[in-house]
N, C-alpha and C. Protein backbone atom coordinates (compact mmCIF):
# COMPACT_ATOMS: atom_id res chain seq x y z
N MET A 1 13.79 17.95 -8.17
CA MET A 1 13.11 17.41 -9.25
C MET A 1 11.79 18.19 -9.38
N GLY A 2 11.69 18.81 -10.44
CA GLY A 2 10.16 19.71 -10.75
C GLY A 2 8.78 18.83 -10.81
N GLU A 3 8.08 19.46 -10.81
CA GLU A 3 6.70 18.93 -10.69
C GLU A 3 6.32 17.94 -11.99
N GLY A 4 5.89 17.07 -12.02
CA GLY A 4 5.46 16.15 -13.25
C GLY A 4 6.97 15.37 -14.05
N GLN A 5 8.36 15.49 -12.71
CA GLN A 5 9.71 14.49 -13.14
C GLN A 5 9.48 13.32 -12.02
N SER A 6 9.81 12.15 -12.16
CA SER A 6 10.26 11.61 -11.32
C SER A 6 11.48 10.81 -12.01
N GLY A 7 12.64 10.60 -10.85
CA GLY A 7 13.47 9.44 -10.70
C GLY A 7 14.73 10.32 -11.62
N PRO A 8 15.69 9.68 -11.89
CA PRO A 8 16.79 10.43 -12.79
C PRO A 8 16.66 10.23 -14.22
N ARG A 9 15.73 9.82 -14.44
CA ARG A 9 15.44 9.91 -16.03
C ARG A 9 14.93 10.93 -16.81
N GLY A 10 14.44 11.83 -15.82
CA GLY A 10 13.64 13.19 -16.32
C GLY A 10 12.19 13.09 -16.22
N GLU A 11 11.82 13.55 -17.45
CA GLU A 11 10.39 13.34 -17.59
C GLU A 11 9.48 12.35 -17.17
N ARG A 12 8.42 12.74 -16.14
CA ARG A 12 7.61 11.76 -15.79
C ARG A 12 6.91 10.70 -17.38
N GLY A 13 6.77 9.33 -17.72
CA GLY A 13 6.23 8.85 -18.60
C GLY A 13 7.26 8.73 -19.66
N ARG A 14 8.46 9.24 -19.62
CA ARG A 14 9.34 8.97 -20.58
C ARG A 14 9.96 7.71 -20.53
N GLY A 15 10.37 6.86 -21.83
CA GLY A 15 10.39 5.63 -22.10
C GLY A 15 9.13 4.84 -22.23
N ARG A 16 7.97 5.30 -21.64
CA ARG A 16 6.69 4.38 -22.03
C ARG A 16 6.30 4.06 -23.47
N ASP A 17 7.05 4.84 -24.12
CA ASP A 17 6.70 4.29 -25.73
C ASP A 17 7.19 3.07 -25.95
N LEU A 18 8.48 2.60 -24.96
CA LEU A 18 9.08 1.06 -25.17
C LEU A 18 8.21 0.11 -24.63
N ILE A 19 7.14 0.39 -23.95
CA ILE A 19 6.75 -0.61 -23.47
C ILE A 19 5.34 -0.84 -24.50
N PRO A 20 4.87 -1.85 -24.84
CA PRO A 20 3.89 -2.33 -26.05
C PRO A 20 2.50 -1.64 -24.96
N ALA A 21 1.47 -1.38 -25.48
CA ALA A 21 0.11 -0.93 -25.20
C ALA A 21 -0.46 -2.19 -24.39
N ALA A 22 -0.38 -3.26 -25.17
CA ALA A 22 -0.85 -4.69 -24.94
C ALA A 22 -0.27 -5.04 -23.60
N MET A 23 0.58 -4.66 -23.37
CA MET A 23 1.47 -5.13 -21.78
C MET A 23 0.88 -4.15 -20.36
N GLY A 24 0.37 -3.29 -20.94
CA GLY A 24 -0.21 -2.69 -19.82
C GLY A 24 0.23 -1.31 -19.41
N ALA A 25 1.18 -0.95 -20.67
CA ALA A 25 1.58 0.59 -20.45
C ALA A 25 0.19 1.64 -20.25
N ASP A 26 0.44 2.21 -18.78
CA ASP A 26 -0.32 3.42 -19.04
C ASP A 26 -0.76 4.26 -20.01
N SER A 27 -1.30 4.08 -20.82
CA SER A 27 -1.76 5.17 -21.36
C SER A 27 -3.16 5.27 -22.29
N PRO A 28 -3.73 6.27 -22.89
CA PRO A 28 -4.79 6.21 -23.55
C PRO A 28 -5.15 5.79 -24.46
N GLN A 29 -3.90 5.33 -25.55
CA GLN A 29 -4.43 4.66 -26.66
C GLN A 29 -4.56 3.15 -26.44
N PRO A 30 -5.41 2.88 -27.42
CA PRO A 30 -5.68 1.26 -27.34
C PRO A 30 -4.34 0.60 -27.77
N ALA A 31 -4.18 -0.48 -27.73
CA ALA A 31 -3.13 -1.45 -28.09
C ALA A 31 -3.27 -1.97 -29.70
N ARG A 32 -1.84 -1.56 -30.24
CA ARG A 32 -1.99 -1.40 -31.49
C ARG A 32 -1.87 -2.85 -31.71
N GLU A 33 -2.94 -3.24 -33.31
CA GLU A 33 -2.86 -4.42 -33.95
C GLU A 33 -1.49 -4.86 -34.41
N ARG A 34 -1.28 -5.96 -34.17
CA ARG A 34 0.05 -6.61 -34.92
C ARG A 34 0.05 -8.02 -35.13
N ALA A 35 0.68 -8.17 -36.21
CA ALA A 35 0.60 -9.52 -37.13
C ALA A 35 0.71 -10.71 -36.16
N PRO A 36 -0.30 -11.94 -36.46
CA PRO A 36 0.11 -12.88 -35.56
C PRO A 36 1.40 -13.43 -35.57
N VAL A 37 2.01 -14.25 -34.34
CA VAL A 37 3.40 -14.75 -34.33
C VAL A 37 3.10 -15.91 -35.63
N THR A 38 4.11 -16.13 -36.29
CA THR A 38 4.77 -17.10 -37.01
C THR A 38 5.76 -18.19 -36.33
N ILE A 39 5.61 -19.32 -36.92
CA ILE A 39 6.76 -20.44 -36.97
C ILE A 39 8.27 -19.77 -36.96
N GLU A 40 8.34 -18.86 -37.92
CA GLU A 40 9.57 -18.17 -38.44
C GLU A 40 9.75 -17.35 -37.41
N ASP A 41 8.83 -16.53 -36.71
CA ASP A 41 9.04 -15.65 -35.80
C ASP A 41 9.62 -16.64 -34.29
N LEU A 42 9.11 -17.50 -33.89
CA LEU A 42 9.42 -18.39 -32.41
C LEU A 42 10.83 -18.84 -32.84
N THR A 43 11.23 -19.47 -34.39
CA THR A 43 12.18 -19.97 -34.54
C THR A 43 13.50 -19.02 -34.68
N ARG A 44 13.47 -17.65 -35.22
CA ARG A 44 14.49 -16.57 -34.88
C ARG A 44 14.48 -16.32 -33.85
N TRP A 45 13.41 -15.94 -32.58
CA TRP A 45 13.87 -16.00 -31.31
C TRP A 45 14.67 -16.75 -31.02
N GLU A 46 14.84 -18.04 -30.99
CA GLU A 46 15.28 -19.25 -30.65
C GLU A 46 16.85 -19.22 -31.15
N GLU A 47 17.11 -18.51 -32.13
CA GLU A 47 18.59 -18.56 -33.00
C GLU A 47 19.17 -17.67 -32.64
N HIS A 48 18.43 -16.82 -32.14
CA HIS A 48 19.18 -15.46 -31.12
C HIS A 48 19.54 -15.80 -29.74
N GLY A 49 19.27 -16.93 -29.38
CA GLY A 49 19.63 -17.18 -27.92
C GLY A 49 18.15 -16.83 -27.02
N ALA A 50 17.35 -16.42 -27.16
CA ALA A 50 16.26 -16.46 -26.42
C ALA A 50 15.41 -17.49 -26.27
N VAL A 51 14.43 -17.48 -25.63
CA VAL A 51 13.72 -18.41 -25.08
C VAL A 51 12.14 -18.04 -25.24
N TRP A 52 11.28 -19.19 -25.69
CA TRP A 52 9.59 -19.02 -25.47
C TRP A 52 8.88 -19.91 -24.89
N ARG A 53 7.85 -19.45 -23.88
CA ARG A 53 7.16 -20.65 -23.37
C ARG A 53 5.91 -20.46 -23.86
N THR A 54 4.94 -21.76 -23.56
CA THR A 54 3.66 -21.65 -24.31
C THR A 54 3.06 -21.30 -23.33
N LEU A 55 1.94 -20.51 -22.95
CA LEU A 55 0.98 -19.76 -21.98
C LEU A 55 -0.18 -20.60 -22.13
N GLU A 56 -0.78 -20.70 -23.49
CA GLU A 56 -2.00 -21.60 -23.70
C GLU A 56 -2.19 -21.86 -25.06
N VAL A 57 -2.63 -22.85 -25.16
CA VAL A 57 -2.62 -23.68 -26.69
C VAL A 57 -4.18 -24.54 -26.71
N SER A 58 -4.88 -24.25 -27.72
CA SER A 58 -6.09 -25.18 -27.89
C SER A 58 -6.07 -24.96 -29.49
N ASP A 59 -7.35 -25.76 -29.67
CA ASP A 59 -7.71 -25.58 -31.01
C ASP A 59 -7.92 -24.24 -31.71
N GLU A 60 -8.35 -23.56 -30.86
CA GLU A 60 -8.66 -22.08 -31.49
C GLU A 60 -7.34 -21.22 -31.59
N GLY A 61 -6.38 -21.33 -31.00
CA GLY A 61 -5.19 -20.36 -30.94
C GLY A 61 -4.25 -20.86 -29.81
N ALA A 62 -2.85 -20.26 -30.09
CA ALA A 62 -1.92 -20.37 -29.03
C ALA A 62 -1.45 -19.10 -28.57
N VAL A 63 -1.12 -19.03 -27.15
CA VAL A 63 -0.41 -18.04 -26.61
C VAL A 63 0.73 -18.04 -26.10
N VAL A 64 2.05 -17.59 -26.57
CA VAL A 64 3.06 -17.56 -25.94
C VAL A 64 4.05 -16.29 -25.56
N GLU A 65 4.72 -16.98 -24.51
CA GLU A 65 5.59 -15.38 -24.10
C GLU A 65 6.83 -15.72 -24.30
N LEU A 66 7.10 -14.67 -24.85
CA LEU A 66 9.00 -14.68 -25.33
C LEU A 66 9.39 -14.01 -24.09
N CYS A 67 10.65 -14.88 -23.88
CA CYS A 67 11.41 -14.36 -22.78
C CYS A 67 13.01 -14.15 -23.45
N THR A 68 13.68 -13.46 -22.86
CA THR A 68 15.29 -13.27 -22.66
C THR A 68 15.86 -14.52 -22.30
N CYS A 69 16.98 -14.67 -22.80
CA CYS A 69 17.73 -15.57 -22.88
C CYS A 69 18.08 -15.97 -21.35
N TYR A 70 17.43 -15.28 -20.27
CA TYR A 70 17.55 -15.77 -18.75
C TYR A 70 16.32 -15.99 -18.52
N GLY A 71 15.21 -15.91 -19.38
CA GLY A 71 13.78 -16.69 -19.26
C GLY A 71 13.12 -15.20 -18.50
N GLU A 72 13.91 -13.98 -18.52
CA GLU A 72 12.37 -12.95 -18.35
C GLU A 72 11.77 -12.54 -19.43
N PRO A 73 10.29 -12.51 -18.98
CA PRO A 73 9.55 -12.23 -20.07
C PRO A 73 9.73 -10.93 -20.89
N VAL A 74 9.35 -11.02 -22.35
CA VAL A 74 9.58 -9.70 -23.00
C VAL A 74 8.47 -9.39 -23.69
N ASP A 75 7.58 -10.24 -23.97
CA ASP A 75 6.32 -9.79 -24.49
C ASP A 75 5.34 -11.10 -24.84
N THR A 76 4.35 -10.71 -25.25
CA THR A 76 3.08 -11.86 -25.33
C THR A 76 2.60 -11.82 -26.65
N VAL A 77 2.82 -12.95 -27.39
CA VAL A 77 2.15 -13.17 -28.75
C VAL A 77 1.22 -13.94 -29.08
N SER A 78 0.83 -13.91 -29.99
CA SER A 78 -0.44 -15.22 -30.18
C SER A 78 -0.55 -15.67 -31.68
N SER A 79 -1.60 -16.55 -32.10
CA SER A 79 -1.73 -16.62 -33.28
C SER A 79 -3.00 -17.90 -33.22
N ALA A 80 -3.81 -18.05 -34.19
CA ALA A 80 -5.02 -19.03 -34.44
C ALA A 80 -4.62 -19.60 -35.96
N ALA A 81 -3.37 -19.66 -36.41
CA ALA A 81 -3.22 -20.32 -37.34
C ALA A 81 -2.60 -21.60 -37.40
N PRO A 82 -3.32 -23.15 -37.69
CA PRO A 82 -3.34 -24.16 -37.46
C PRO A 82 -1.78 -24.52 -36.98
N GLU A 83 -0.97 -24.31 -38.24
CA GLU A 83 0.06 -24.60 -38.15
C GLU A 83 1.02 -24.01 -36.95
N LEU A 84 0.76 -23.12 -36.84
CA LEU A 84 1.66 -22.46 -35.49
C LEU A 84 0.96 -22.80 -34.31
N ILE A 85 0.00 -23.40 -34.22
CA ILE A 85 -0.95 -24.10 -33.06
C ILE A 85 0.05 -25.48 -32.89
N GLU A 86 0.19 -26.27 -33.77
CA GLU A 86 0.65 -27.69 -33.88
C GLU A 86 1.90 -27.39 -33.59
N PHE A 87 2.96 -26.35 -34.15
CA PHE A 87 4.28 -26.13 -34.22
C PHE A 87 4.17 -26.12 -32.54
N VAL A 88 3.40 -25.22 -31.57
CA VAL A 88 3.96 -24.88 -30.28
C VAL A 88 3.27 -25.96 -29.65
N ARG A 89 2.43 -26.89 -29.84
CA ARG A 89 2.21 -27.98 -29.33
C ARG A 89 3.33 -28.93 -29.29
N SER A 90 4.01 -29.43 -30.62
CA SER A 90 5.06 -30.21 -30.59
C SER A 90 5.98 -29.67 -29.84
N HIS A 91 6.45 -28.45 -29.29
CA HIS A 91 7.58 -27.95 -28.92
C HIS A 91 7.32 -27.64 -27.52
N ARG A 92 6.34 -27.86 -26.87
CA ARG A 92 6.13 -27.09 -25.55
C ARG A 92 6.61 -28.11 -24.35
N ASP A 93 7.51 -29.05 -24.82
CA ASP A 93 8.04 -29.92 -23.54
C ASP A 93 9.44 -29.75 -24.03
N GLY A 94 9.85 -29.15 -24.70
CA GLY A 94 11.51 -29.02 -25.54
C GLY A 94 12.07 -27.72 -25.00
């Protein structure tokens, strides 16, 4: 393999665009602003067979880890919306 390449996938760094910058992708670009997670987002996630876990919940906000149906973390999302906080609190043991 030539310089700047690693592994069978070709050029070094290829595929990094698939990793959200907020998840620690080695990129000089700042994390993109994203819309806060909604109850509909979490419900849709579950309807497609995936799971989510509460990482943190307080009166100020909720942080949720989105996981595959096998429980592997995919992304972390958050919201300060009171209705989402209450939804997360009511579903955290389920």
